[in-house]
Protein backbone atom coordinates (compact mmCIF):
# COMPACT_ATOMS: atom_id res chain seq x y z
CA MET A 1 -5.73 -51.94 -13.30
CA SER A 2 -8.53 -53.02 -15.96
CA LYS A 3 -11.70 -51.04 -16.56
CA ALA A 4 -13.64 -53.80 -14.71
CA ASP A 5 -11.55 -53.94 -11.40
CA ALA A 6 -11.74 -50.40 -11.86
CA ASP A 7 -15.57 -50.46 -11.65
CA ALA A 8 -15.16 -52.97 -9.05
CA THR A 9 -13.58 -50.20 -6.88
CA ASP A 10 -15.91 -47.40 -7.48
CA GLY A 11 -17.12 -45.78 -4.68
CA TYR A 12 -13.21 -46.21 -2.87
CA ASP A 13 -10.63 -43.45 -3.16
CA ASP A 14 -8.28 -45.84 -3.46
CA ALA A 15 -7.65 -50.20 -3.23
CA ARG A 16 -4.32 -52.06 -2.45
CA GLU A 17 -3.09 -55.56 -3.79
CA THR A 18 -1.09 -57.75 -1.79
CA ASP A 19 -0.58 -61.76 -2.11
CA VAL A 20 -1.48 -62.94 1.64
CA LEU A 21 -3.75 -60.65 4.14
CA VAL A 22 -2.92 -60.90 7.58
CA VAL A 23 -5.48 -59.35 10.00
CA GLY A 24 -4.17 -59.62 13.52
CA SER A 25 -0.92 -58.74 15.15
CA GLY A 26 -0.09 -61.29 17.96
CA ILE A 27 1.89 -64.52 17.89
CA ALA A 28 -0.68 -66.41 15.37
CA GLY A 29 -0.60 -63.33 13.04
CA LEU A 30 3.04 -62.78 12.98
CA ALA A 31 3.72 -66.44 12.27
CA ALA A 32 1.35 -66.46 9.82
CA ALA A 33 3.33 -63.58 8.48
CA LEU A 34 6.52 -65.00 8.67
CA GLY A 35 5.63 -67.83 7.18
CA ALA A 36 4.19 -66.73 4.11
CA ALA A 37 7.04 -64.08 3.42
CA ARG A 38 9.39 -67.41 4.00
CA GLU A 39 7.85 -68.54 0.91
CA GLY A 40 8.03 -65.31 -1.17
CA ALA A 41 4.90 -63.59 -0.12
CA ASP A 42 4.17 -60.43 -0.33
CA VAL A 43 1.94 -59.83 3.13
CA THR A 44 0.34 -57.38 4.52
CA VAL A 45 -0.32 -57.54 8.31
CA ALA A 46 -3.58 -55.41 9.33
CA THR A 47 -4.09 -54.96 12.38
CA LYS A 48 -6.21 -52.74 15.10
CA ALA A 49 -3.84 -52.87 17.66
CA THR A 50 -1.20 -49.82 18.83
CA ARG A 51 2.07 -51.31 19.69
CA PRO A 52 2.40 -53.83 21.54
CA GLU A 53 0.14 -53.91 24.00
CA GLY A 54 -2.87 -54.35 21.89
CA ALA A 55 -2.14 -57.81 21.11
CA SER A 56 -3.29 -60.63 23.06
CA SER A 57 -0.08 -62.41 22.70
CA TRP A 58 2.11 -59.56 24.50
CA TRP A 59 -0.40 -60.26 27.66
CA ALA A 60 0.39 -63.62 28.01
CA GLN A 61 2.83 -64.42 30.90
CA GLY A 62 3.41 -68.21 31.75
CA GLY A 63 4.97 -69.53 28.80
CA ILE A 64 5.08 -71.80 25.79
CA ALA A 65 4.22 -75.52 26.26
CA VAL A 66 6.87 -77.77 24.62
CA SER A 67 7.50 -81.72 23.66
CA ARG A 68 10.86 -81.96 24.81
CA ASP A 69 11.40 -85.53 24.96
CA ASP A 70 8.10 -87.03 25.28
CA PRO A 71 5.28 -85.76 22.63
CA GLY A 72 3.42 -89.06 23.74
CA GLN A 73 3.01 -87.60 27.34
CA PHE A 74 2.24 -83.85 25.86
CA LYS A 75 -0.40 -85.45 24.08
CA ARG A 76 -2.02 -87.28 26.70
CA ASP A 77 -1.98 -84.28 28.90
CA ILE A 78 -3.38 -82.45 26.15
CA LEU A 79 -6.43 -84.84 25.99
CA ALA A 80 -6.62 -85.34 29.70
CA ALA A 81 -7.34 -81.47 30.44
CA SER A 82 -10.13 -81.22 27.10
CA ALA A 83 -11.87 -84.32 29.13
CA ASP A 84 -10.74 -86.37 26.29
CA THR A 85 -12.85 -83.59 23.74
CA ALA A 86 -9.94 -82.44 21.53
CA ASP A 87 -8.96 -84.21 18.40
CA PRO A 88 -6.48 -86.20 18.48
CA ALA A 89 -4.93 -85.90 15.18
CA ALA A 90 -4.89 -82.18 15.90
CA VAL A 91 -3.19 -82.71 18.70
CA ASP A 92 -0.79 -84.74 16.82
CA VAL A 93 -0.14 -81.77 15.05
CA LEU A 94 0.79 -79.71 17.62
CA VAL A 95 3.07 -81.93 19.50
CA ASP A 96 4.88 -83.49 16.61
CA ASN A 97 5.76 -79.79 15.51
CA ALA A 98 6.12 -78.17 19.09
CA ASN A 99 9.99 -78.36 19.47
CA ASP A 100 11.01 -77.25 15.81
CA ALA A 101 8.87 -74.71 15.55
CA VAL A 102 10.12 -73.07 18.60
CA ARG A 103 13.37 -73.80 18.05
CA ASP A 104 13.43 -72.40 14.93
CA VAL A 105 11.48 -69.17 15.50
CA LEU A 106 11.57 -68.34 18.77
CA VAL A 107 15.67 -69.06 19.07
CA ASP A 108 17.55 -69.53 16.05
CA THR A 109 15.50 -66.35 14.80
CA LEU A 110 14.01 -64.12 17.53
CA ASP A 111 16.50 -64.96 19.72
CA VAL A 112 14.24 -64.82 22.86
CA ASP A 113 16.25 -65.42 26.06
CA PHE A 114 14.13 -67.97 27.77
CA ASP A 115 14.81 -68.21 31.53
CA THR A 116 17.72 -71.13 32.21
CA ASN A 117 18.43 -72.83 35.40
CA GLY A 118 22.41 -73.49 34.80
CA ASP A 119 23.18 -75.10 31.41
CA ASP A 120 19.48 -75.94 30.62
CA TYR A 121 16.49 -74.02 30.14
CA ASP A 122 14.33 -73.64 33.33
CA PHE A 123 11.24 -75.85 32.33
CA THR A 124 8.67 -75.31 34.88
CA ARG A 125 5.02 -76.91 35.16
CA GLU A 126 1.48 -75.55 35.43
CA ALA A 127 -1.62 -77.12 35.74
CA ALA A 128 -2.39 -80.32 34.22
CA HIS A 129 0.68 -80.89 33.14
CA ASP A 130 1.99 -83.93 33.75
CA GLN A 131 6.17 -82.66 33.22
CA ASP A 132 8.14 -79.90 33.65
CA ARG A 133 8.48 -78.51 29.72
CA ILE A 134 7.04 -74.98 29.91
CA LEU A 135 9.67 -71.96 28.89
CA HIS A 136 9.56 -68.57 30.04
CA VAL A 137 10.49 -65.84 31.14
CA ASP A 138 9.83 -64.45 34.12
CA ALA A 139 6.00 -64.32 34.00
CA ALA A 140 6.04 -62.02 30.61
CA THR A 141 6.54 -64.87 28.24
CA GLY A 142 4.18 -63.35 25.79
CA LYS A 143 6.01 -59.21 26.10
CA ALA A 144 9.66 -60.90 25.17
CA ILE A 145 8.34 -62.60 22.59
CA HIS A 146 5.83 -60.73 20.79
CA VAL A 147 8.18 -56.90 20.63
CA PRO A 148 11.27 -59.21 19.10
CA PHE A 149 8.93 -60.65 16.57
CA LEU A 150 7.21 -57.14 15.88
CA HIS A 151 10.39 -55.89 15.10
CA TYR A 152 11.84 -58.84 13.15
CA LEU A 153 9.26 -58.25 10.79
CA ASP A 154 9.67 -54.43 10.74
CA ASP A 155 13.17 -55.19 8.94
CA HIS A 156 11.64 -57.81 6.53
CA ASP A 157 11.61 -56.35 2.98
CA GLY A 158 8.16 -58.35 2.04
CA VAL A 159 6.07 -57.73 5.14
CA THR A 160 3.98 -54.69 5.73
CA VAL A 161 2.83 -54.08 8.95
CA ARG A 162 -0.51 -51.62 8.88
CA ASP A 163 -1.32 -50.07 13.02
CA ASP A 164 -4.93 -48.72 14.25
CA THR A 165 -6.44 -50.48 11.34
CA ALA A 166 -9.43 -52.92 11.17
CA ALA A 167 -11.00 -55.25 8.86
CA LEU A 168 -14.58 -54.25 8.74
CA GLN A 169 -15.79 -57.02 6.57
CA LEU A 170 -14.40 -59.82 4.11
CA ILE A 171 -14.68 -59.43 0.28
CA THR A 172 -16.24 -62.01 -0.79
CA HIS A 173 -17.83 -63.85 -4.67
CA GLU A 174 -18.96 -67.20 -5.50
CA GLY A 175 -17.48 -68.72 -2.29
CA ARG A 176 -14.15 -67.62 -2.20
CA VAL A 177 -12.25 -65.06 0.22
CA HIS A 178 -10.54 -61.66 -1.83
CA GLY A 179 -9.61 -59.72 0.68
CA ALA A 180 -10.99 -57.32 3.11
CA LEU A 181 -12.26 -53.84 3.83
CA LEU A 182 -9.88 -52.16 6.00
CA GLU A 183 -10.57 -48.96 8.10
CA SER A 184 -7.95 -46.74 9.43
CA ASP A 185 -8.42 -43.25 10.42
CA GLY A 186 -11.89 -43.07 9.08
CA GLU A 187 -11.06 -43.69 5.74
CA VAL A 188 -12.09 -47.63 4.71
CA THR A 189 -9.72 -48.90 2.11
CA PRO A 190 -10.48 -52.56 -0.04
CA THR A 191 -7.20 -54.78 0.13
CA TYR A 192 -7.59 -57.50 -2.16
CA ALA A 193 -5.79 -60.85 -1.64
CA GLY A 194 -4.88 -63.81 -2.84
CA ALA A 195 -5.57 -65.13 0.98
CA VAL A 196 -6.91 -64.03 4.27
CA VAL A 197 -5.41 -65.32 7.29
CA LEU A 198 -7.76 -64.23 10.39
CA ALA A 199 -5.66 -63.74 13.96
CA THR A 200 -7.63 -61.47 15.85
CA GLY A 201 -7.51 -63.23 19.21
CA GLY A 202 -10.08 -63.60 21.62
CA ILE A 203 -13.45 -62.12 23.17
CA GLY A 204 -12.52 -60.56 25.77
CA ASP A 205 -15.13 -57.86 25.76
CA LEU A 206 -18.01 -59.54 25.78
CA TYR A 207 -17.66 -60.37 29.42
CA PRO A 208 -17.18 -57.78 32.32
CA ARG A 209 -14.01 -59.14 33.75
CA SER A 210 -11.26 -60.24 31.22
CA THR A 211 -7.58 -60.92 31.07
CA ASN A 212 -8.19 -60.28 27.25
CA PRO A 213 -6.85 -56.28 26.26
CA ASP A 214 -9.30 -53.66 25.21
CA GLY A 215 -10.71 -54.38 21.26
CA SER A 216 -11.02 -58.21 22.12
CA THR A 217 -14.40 -58.01 20.36
CA GLY A 218 -14.70 -61.04 18.48
CA ASP A 219 -14.04 -59.79 15.19
CA GLY A 220 -12.54 -62.65 12.97
CA VAL A 221 -14.95 -65.02 14.35
CA ALA A 222 -18.07 -62.98 13.37
CA MET A 223 -16.97 -61.77 10.21
CA ALA A 224 -15.97 -65.53 8.71
CA ALA A 225 -19.07 -66.82 10.43
CA LEU A 226 -21.29 -63.62 8.26
CA ALA A 227 -19.25 -64.47 5.75
CA GLY A 228 -20.41 -68.32 5.49
CA ALA A 229 -17.72 -69.88 7.40
CA ASP A 230 -18.48 -72.70 9.35
CA THR A 231 -17.57 -72.18 13.49
CA GLU A 232 -16.97 -74.97 15.90
CA ASP A 233 -16.81 -75.57 19.79
CA MET A 234 -18.22 -72.00 20.54
CA GLU A 235 -19.46 -73.07 23.85
CA TYR A 236 -16.24 -73.56 25.35
CA VAL A 237 -14.98 -70.37 26.71
CA GLN A 238 -12.15 -70.92 29.68
CA PHE A 239 -12.07 -68.59 32.76
CA HIS A 240 -8.62 -68.30 34.48
CA PRO A 241 -9.55 -68.94 37.91
CA THR A 242 -6.76 -66.59 39.71
CA VAL A 243 -7.08 -63.00 38.36
CA TYR A 244 -6.51 -60.23 41.12
CA THR A 245 -10.17 -58.87 41.65
CA GLY A 246 -8.74 -55.46 43.03
CA GLU A 247 -8.54 -52.07 41.22
CA ASP A 248 -6.54 -52.46 37.60
CA PRO A 249 -6.73 -56.34 37.68
CA PHE A 250 -4.45 -58.22 36.25
CA LEU A 251 -3.66 -62.41 35.62
CA VAL A 252 -1.63 -64.02 37.83
CA SER A 253 0.18 -66.44 36.29
CA GLU A 254 -0.50 -70.51 36.42
CA ALA A 255 3.21 -70.95 37.05
CA VAL A 256 2.75 -69.62 40.59
CA ARG A 257 1.03 -72.62 41.79
CA GLY A 258 2.98 -74.74 39.69
CA GLU A 259 6.18 -73.58 42.05
CA GLY A 260 3.80 -73.98 45.16
CA GLY A 261 1.15 -71.50 45.22
CA LEU A 262 -1.89 -72.60 47.47
CA LEU A 263 -5.20 -71.06 47.65
CA ARG A 264 -7.26 -70.66 50.23
CA ASN A 265 -10.81 -69.32 51.20
CA ASP A 266 -11.85 -66.55 53.33
CA GLU A 267 -11.42 -68.80 56.30
CA GLY A 268 -7.70 -69.38 55.53
CA GLU A 269 -8.97 -72.58 54.84
CA ARG A 270 -6.99 -74.73 51.34
CA PHE A 271 -9.79 -76.15 49.40
CA MET A 272 -8.35 -77.42 46.59
CA PRO A 273 -7.65 -81.25 47.58
CA ASP A 274 -11.67 -81.11 48.31
CA TYR A 275 -12.29 -80.97 44.51
CA HIS A 276 -9.53 -82.40 42.49
CA GLU A 277 -7.15 -85.18 43.07
CA ASP A 278 -4.65 -82.56 41.30
CA ALA A 279 -5.51 -79.43 44.11
CA GLU A 280 -4.23 -76.30 42.84
CA LEU A 281 -2.94 -78.03 39.41
CA ALA A 282 -5.88 -79.66 38.41
CA PRO A 283 -7.76 -78.41 35.26
CA ARG A 284 -8.66 -74.59 34.83
CA ASP A 285 -12.55 -75.13 34.28
CA VAL A 286 -12.06 -77.39 37.64
CA VAL A 287 -9.76 -74.58 39.85
CA ALA A 288 -12.01 -71.79 38.22
CA ARG A 289 -15.47 -73.27 39.50
CA ALA A 290 -13.67 -74.18 42.74
CA VAL A 291 -12.70 -70.80 43.57
CA GLU A 292 -16.08 -69.03 42.71
CA LYS A 293 -17.65 -71.14 44.94
CA GLU A 294 -15.43 -70.84 47.70
CA ARG A 295 -15.70 -66.88 46.91
CA GLU A 296 -19.81 -67.14 47.03
CA ALA A 297 -19.23 -69.33 50.46
CA THR A 298 -16.47 -67.58 52.24
CA GLY A 299 -16.18 -63.79 50.49
CA GLU A 300 -12.88 -64.28 48.82
CA VAL A 301 -9.58 -66.46 48.13
CA TRP A 302 -6.16 -65.81 48.45
CA LEU A 303 -3.54 -67.15 46.34
CA ASP A 304 -0.57 -67.90 49.21
CA VAL A 305 2.53 -67.49 48.02
CA SER A 306 4.48 -67.75 51.76
CA GLY A 307 5.92 -70.82 50.73
CA LEU A 308 7.96 -69.54 47.81
CA ASP A 309 10.89 -66.90 46.58
CA PHE A 310 7.94 -65.25 44.97
CA ALA A 311 9.74 -61.82 44.42
CA GLY A 312 12.71 -63.42 43.37
CA GLU A 313 10.85 -65.89 41.11
CA PHE A 314 8.15 -63.57 39.66
CA PRO A 315 9.31 -60.39 40.22
CA GLY A 316 7.24 -58.87 37.45
CA LEU A 317 3.95 -60.09 39.22
CA ALA A 318 5.18 -58.47 42.74
CA GLY A 319 5.88 -55.08 41.26
CA LYS A 320 2.12 -55.73 39.89
CA CYS A 321 1.17 -56.77 43.96
CA GLU A 322 3.13 -53.82 45.43
CA SER A 323 1.95 -50.71 42.67
CA ARG A 324 -1.48 -51.79 43.87
CA GLY A 325 -1.00 -52.14 47.11
CA VAL A 326 -1.41 -55.40 47.11
CA GLU A 327 0.67 -57.09 50.67
CA TRP A 328 1.09 -60.49 49.04
CA GLN A 329 3.29 -61.58 51.71
CA ARG A 330 -0.53 -62.13 53.52
CA GLY A 331 -1.69 -63.27 49.99
CA ILE A 332 -3.19 -62.07 46.86
CA PRO A 333 -7.50 -61.78 46.04
CA VAL A 334 -8.18 -63.67 43.13
CA GLY A 335 -11.56 -65.01 41.12
CA PRO A 336 -11.88 -66.08 37.63
CA ALA A 337 -12.34 -63.91 34.63
CA GLU A 338 -12.79 -65.05 30.85
CA HIS A 339 -9.90 -66.08 29.74
CA PHE A 340 -9.53 -68.08 26.43
CA LEU A 341 -12.14 -69.32 23.56
CA CYS A 342 -11.40 -73.12 23.08
CA GLY A 343 -13.47 -72.79 19.84
CA GLY A 344 -13.79 -70.54 16.97
CA VAL A 345 -13.45 -70.53 13.21
CA ALA A 346 -13.16 -74.18 12.26
CA VAL A 347 -10.21 -74.73 10.76
CA ASP A 348 -8.01 -77.83 9.33
CA ASP A 349 -4.55 -79.10 9.89
CA ARG A 350 -3.07 -75.87 7.52
CA GLY A 351 -5.66 -73.19 9.18
CA ARG A 352 -7.97 -73.75 6.67
CA ALA A 353 -11.17 -72.43 6.81
CA SER A 354 -14.34 -73.81 4.94
CA LEU A 355 -14.35 -70.33 2.68
CA ASP A 356 -11.97 -70.59 -0.07
CA ARG A 357 -8.39 -68.75 0.19
CA LEU A 358 -9.90 -67.81 4.22
CA TYR A 359 -7.43 -68.90 6.79
CA ALA A 360 -7.85 -68.95 10.61
CA VAL A 361 -5.44 -68.70 13.56
CA GLY A 362 -4.91 -68.48 17.08
CA GLU A 363 -7.53 -67.85 19.36
CA CYS A 364 -10.02 -66.63 16.72
CA SER A 365 -9.67 -69.95 15.00
CA CYS A 366 -10.83 -73.83 16.51
CA THR A 367 -8.11 -76.20 15.25
CA GLY A 368 -9.33 -78.81 17.66
CA VAL A 369 -6.74 -79.30 19.85
CA HIS A 370 -8.36 -77.77 23.20
CA GLY A 371 -11.86 -79.42 22.77
CA ALA A 372 -13.64 -78.16 26.25
CA ASN A 373 -10.67 -77.04 28.18
CA ARG A 374 -7.01 -75.71 27.09
CA LEU A 375 -4.10 -76.87 28.70
CA ALA A 376 -2.10 -74.43 30.25
CA SER A 377 0.76 -72.72 28.08
CA THR A 378 -0.24 -74.11 24.62
CA SER A 379 -1.99 -71.18 23.37
CA LEU A 380 1.02 -69.56 22.44
CA LEU A 381 2.84 -72.64 20.34
CA GLU A 382 -0.83 -73.31 18.98
CA GLY A 383 -0.35 -69.65 17.65
CA LEU A 384 3.42 -70.38 16.29
CA VAL A 385 2.87 -73.80 15.03
CA TRP A 386 -0.76 -73.15 12.95
CA GLY A 387 0.42 -69.56 12.35
CA LEU A 388 3.48 -70.91 10.53
CA ARG A 389 1.60 -73.76 8.37
CA ALA A 390 -1.48 -71.40 7.26
CA GLY A 391 1.27 -68.58 6.07
CA GLU A 392 3.07 -71.13 4.08
CA ASP A 393 -0.46 -72.78 2.39
CA ALA A 394 -1.52 -69.29 2.07
CA ALA A 395 1.55 -67.93 0.08
CA GLY A 396 1.18 -68.38 -4.03
CA HIS A 397 -1.87 -67.57 -4.77
CA ASP A 398 -2.09 -64.43 -6.64
CA ALA A 399 -4.77 -61.30 -5.70
CA SER A 400 -7.70 -60.49 -8.15
CA VAL A 401 -9.96 -57.35 -8.08
CA VAL A 402 -14.03 -58.26 -7.20
CA GLU A 403 -16.69 -56.27 -6.45
CA ALA A 404 -16.17 -54.58 -3.33
CA PRO A 405 -19.11 -54.40 -0.46
CA ASP A 406 -20.42 -50.76 -0.16
CA LEU A 407 -20.81 -49.74 3.40
CA LEU A 408 -22.83 -46.58 3.37
CA ASP A 409 -22.54 -43.68 5.83
CA ARG A 410 -25.22 -41.30 4.99
CA ASP A 411 -27.01 -40.97 8.51
CA PRO A 412 -26.29 -38.47 11.29
CA ALA A 413 -23.20 -40.23 13.48
CA LEU A 414 -24.36 -41.86 16.51
CA PRO A 415 -23.98 -40.51 20.27
CA GLU A 416 -19.91 -41.20 21.28
CA ASN A 417 -21.35 -43.51 24.09
CA PHE A 418 -23.64 -45.79 21.94
CA ALA A 419 -21.80 -48.35 21.76
CA SER A 420 -20.37 -48.05 25.13
CA GLU A 421 -23.67 -48.75 26.32
CA LYS A 422 -24.67 -51.35 24.60
CA PHE A 423 -21.85 -53.05 25.57
CA VAL A 424 -22.59 -52.69 29.27
CA ARG A 425 -26.03 -54.51 27.93
CA LEU A 426 -24.29 -57.48 26.38
CA ARG A 427 -21.50 -57.70 29.08
CA ARG A 428 -24.00 -58.32 32.13
CA VAL A 429 -26.14 -61.18 29.74
CA MET A 430 -23.06 -62.94 28.90
CA ASP A 431 -21.85 -62.34 32.55
CA GLU A 432 -25.44 -63.75 34.61
CA TYR A 433 -26.16 -66.30 32.01
CA VAL A 434 -23.00 -67.69 29.72
CA GLY A 435 -20.32 -67.91 32.17
CA LEU A 436 -18.80 -70.49 34.54
CA ARG A 437 -22.49 -72.03 35.09
CA ARG A 438 -24.96 -72.28 32.83
CA HIS A 439 -28.72 -73.16 32.72
CA PRO A 440 -30.63 -73.93 29.62
CA ASP A 441 -33.64 -71.76 30.57
CA ASP A 442 -30.85 -68.97 31.00
CA LEU A 443 -29.13 -69.81 28.00
CA GLY A 444 -33.05 -69.71 25.97
CA ARG A 445 -33.30 -65.81 27.83
CA ALA A 446 -29.81 -64.48 26.89
CA GLN A 447 -30.56 -65.41 23.53
CA ALA A 448 -33.47 -63.85 22.86
CA VAL A 449 -31.45 -60.69 24.48
CA LEU A 450 -28.76 -61.02 22.17
CA ARG A 451 -30.62 -61.57 18.61
CA ARG A 452 -33.04 -58.31 19.70
CA LEU A 453 -29.55 -56.23 20.50
CA LYS A 454 -27.87 -57.69 17.38
CA GLY A 455 -31.23 -56.60 15.03
CA GLU A 456 -30.41 -52.95 16.98
CA VAL A 457 -26.47 -52.73 15.31
CA ASP A 458 -27.72 -54.42 12.35
CA ALA A 459 -30.15 -51.58 11.63
CA TYR A 460 -27.02 -49.08 12.45
CA VAL A 461 -24.54 -50.53 10.00
CA ARG A 462 -26.65 -50.29 7.01
CA THR A 463 -26.20 -47.18 7.17
CA ARG A 464 -23.22 -45.95 9.20
CA THR A 465 -19.81 -46.94 9.64
CA SER A 466 -17.54 -46.70 11.94
CA ARG A 467 -14.96 -49.04 14.09
CA SER A 468 -16.86 -49.20 17.02
CA LEU A 469 -19.78 -49.73 15.52
CA TYR A 470 -18.47 -52.92 13.95
CA GLU A 471 -16.81 -54.00 16.90
CA LEU A 472 -19.85 -53.71 18.86
CA ARG A 473 -21.82 -55.59 15.72
CA TYR A 474 -18.98 -58.62 15.89
CA ALA A 475 -19.43 -58.54 19.84
CA SER A 476 -23.32 -59.65 19.11
CA VAL A 477 -22.89 -61.81 16.54
CA THR A 478 -19.87 -63.79 18.69
CA ALA A 479 -21.97 -63.69 21.56
CA LEU A 480 -24.77 -65.29 20.35
CA LEU A 481 -23.04 -68.44 18.37
CA VAL A 482 -21.50 -68.64 22.43
CA THR A 483 -24.85 -68.77 23.71
CA ARG A 484 -26.40 -70.83 20.70
CA ALA A 485 -23.75 -73.60 20.95
CA ALA A 486 -24.38 -73.47 24.69
CA ALA A 487 -27.70 -74.46 24.35
CA GLU A 488 -27.28 -76.49 21.85
CA ASN A 489 -25.25 -78.92 23.93
CA ASP A 490 -26.57 -80.29 26.94
CA ARG A 491 -23.69 -82.15 27.90
CA SER A 492 -21.44 -80.76 30.99
CA VAL A 493 -18.03 -81.10 30.19
CA GLY A 494 -15.10 -78.88 30.37
CA THR A 495 -15.45 -75.33 30.31
CA HIS A 496 -19.00 -75.45 29.65
CA ASN A 497 -21.00 -76.47 33.19
CA ILE A 498 -24.74 -77.13 33.18
CA VAL A 499 -26.40 -76.53 36.69
CA GLU A 500 -29.68 -76.38 37.91
CA ALA A 501 -31.56 -72.72 37.88
CA ASP A 502 -30.74 -71.93 41.65
CA GLU A 503 -27.11 -72.45 41.32
CA ALA A 504 -26.29 -70.67 37.77
CA ARG A 505 -28.52 -67.82 39.51
CA ALA A 506 -26.31 -68.04 42.92
CA ARG A 507 -23.50 -65.91 41.77
């Protein structure tokens, strides 16, 4: 390291260099690491998750969609689910690369044991799909992919995975990203990279009920936005319609409805045919709002699985029901919960953001594939396809050392429950005003509260450095981005539903 480099790292005990720094360890981040390593790059994967449950991909149930022999129909289904708001060019990238990416990585490289039906794969169907095209492993596909993917990269000479390591801030200079400040066990270290790939997952911690793992605080979106990167489609937050409503909630896969599960209100009436011609297999935004309305009107909504071999086809879900004392033979009580951010850091077909040498993939990115509403079982596929493409493109750049931001930690530590108490306030605002149904006046109120919260947190960040404080900062920034985008969009479409004030507050 030269004297100039040493001067740039003053204030830190150590600094590291890598060709490609990937932040996040879901399928998108792991695919980016694989893509870069295949190009000969030295790759560091930094993830604040602990293995393996801390990554969103591990929790994915339904499966991964492929084009099979009809990419044209797959494209039409994606566009229809998005209410024709998805970017057709981005959808072409997804469907044209789907079969090859899944075969290359998941089948040939990782040997994922997808369910079969005789000599062929047991393709299933989920909401808004026109045909059976979803590969799955029971109702735990994410886990079946994620674990072998981590093990494969652990054994790869060019890849280093750093668990329990959080990115606190990007290192930037003159419009280019040079790395990130990483925190592990209370120590902050600059890691310089030829390129940085953000793959930090979703925003579940912004809402009181979510299918995301703990720690889904929108880090990548906020980190990129604060560094000056563009974001897009932030108002489109998808809620999954069938999440168990009791203690210790869990997602009940869309595949259950694909196999014949029916939604009934507390009076025993099947109601989805009254809301959409595709009934239980309507797009997620339609089903989620219908379920919420029926819960409000009758008290509860039940997923009726009596017409299928639930224990035989979905043994994992049946086990979850039984462990919670749910008599699934009589129905599973379900309701909506935050599930997926359709927007994020704006990127191109290679995952490149508006800042030089910055990439974003997976749920923290906005490729244009989802538009206002995501088609079921396309999230793992998008992460895989864009992760590989971004990793390949990010390789080939050398790291250069610039002056790293100096994060101060000179004031007394905040109370242990400081961040958790602020999160309660943030979640209450997002739940009441920026959920399934929104009113312009409520969005204005939410922005005012969130701006005050962000101002408070920023004041503390100036003199204190801790992971929980930065997570709160990034959650407040991301919440503001979601709310601001919602306030600026006066068109009800997909997951963004503008209603009258009385209806918005009737929850």
